[in-house]
Amino acid sequence: MISFMGMGFLLVKAKVADSSHAKTFSSFLIYCGTPAMFIASFQEMEYESTNNIYLLEAFLISLAVQLLIFALIALVLGRKIKIGKYKILTIGSFMGNVGFLGQPVVQALFPTSPLVSCYCMMFALSMNILVFTLGEYLISGQRKYISIKRLILNPTVLAALVALPMYALKIKLPEAAFDIVYTARSMNAPVCMLILGLRLASMNAKEVFGEPFAYLTSFMKLIVAPLITLLVVSVIPGLDNVFKVTMVIAAGTPCASVILAIAEVHDCESKRAAYSLLVSSILCVVTLPLLALIVSR
């Protein structure tokens, strides 16, 4: 993953690419990569009625954990949560790159279990529901974003509305179509890291790595969020170790790329959002393997 970030960085420095290209790649991830990831994950798994409970648990637990982290931060910050930099800290602390980085990691940890990819997709589904409702409301301060329309009309939820019925009805894509969505899914992690390299090359490294707020947000997202998740899944009876590991790894992914997008759209501390995204994505190279070691024991 880091090598792809390095490629993006070097392409810009060699002046054969431009950092503005990151926006095009981001559009690919949001509107093509995410749906492909969701559909491919459920296409790989054979339908079993017992899995429905596990998938529902993954969705509800991930949703509850993210809301719990938000509530704790809101309680600590109080009125400060309305200040731009604290808005970024808040959403950056629980909204992560679950699909683009979490799914490849858990798939590598459990290569013979297609169910873990689906756990990640349910986590990503709950996160995207919050991004386009609570996240945009918090960043913009406008209640219009808390609506059923915003909840449904986002790429991840629309992909779920396609993938889940196909899974339940045991409908498989033709081989050629499956190859397309599988290939698009495989591109997500490299493209995500390429984007980070492109963006990093256009920024002042001293500013990026000299911003204390980026480290605070990264600490909350990479350390505090997965530890809270570990605590939650540890006290819930009946959860197997694979489920627990997947939930903790998903919670410990770096800040979500979409945070930068909504910060830019609503003109709210986009630089701090970019710095938090970059720093957390680089630091996760250390924290994700450590989390995997800790929770898989």
Foldseek 3Di string as FASTA:
>chain_A
DLVLLVVLQVCVVVVVDALVCLVVLVCCCFAPQQLLLQQLLLLVDADDPVLVVVLVCLLVLLLVLLVVQLVVLCVVCPPVLLAQLNLLLRLQLFQFPLQLPLLVVLCVVPVPDSSLSSSSLSSNLSSQLCCQAVSLCSNQVDNVSNDPCSNCPGNSNVSCVVRVVCNVVVPHDPPVVSVVSVVSNVCRNSSVSSSLSNVCNVDDPCCLVVDVSLVSSLCSQQPVSLVSLLVVVVPDPDDDLSSSLSSSLSSNHGGYPVSLVSCVVNVGPSVSSSSNRNVNNVCCVPRNVVSNVVSND
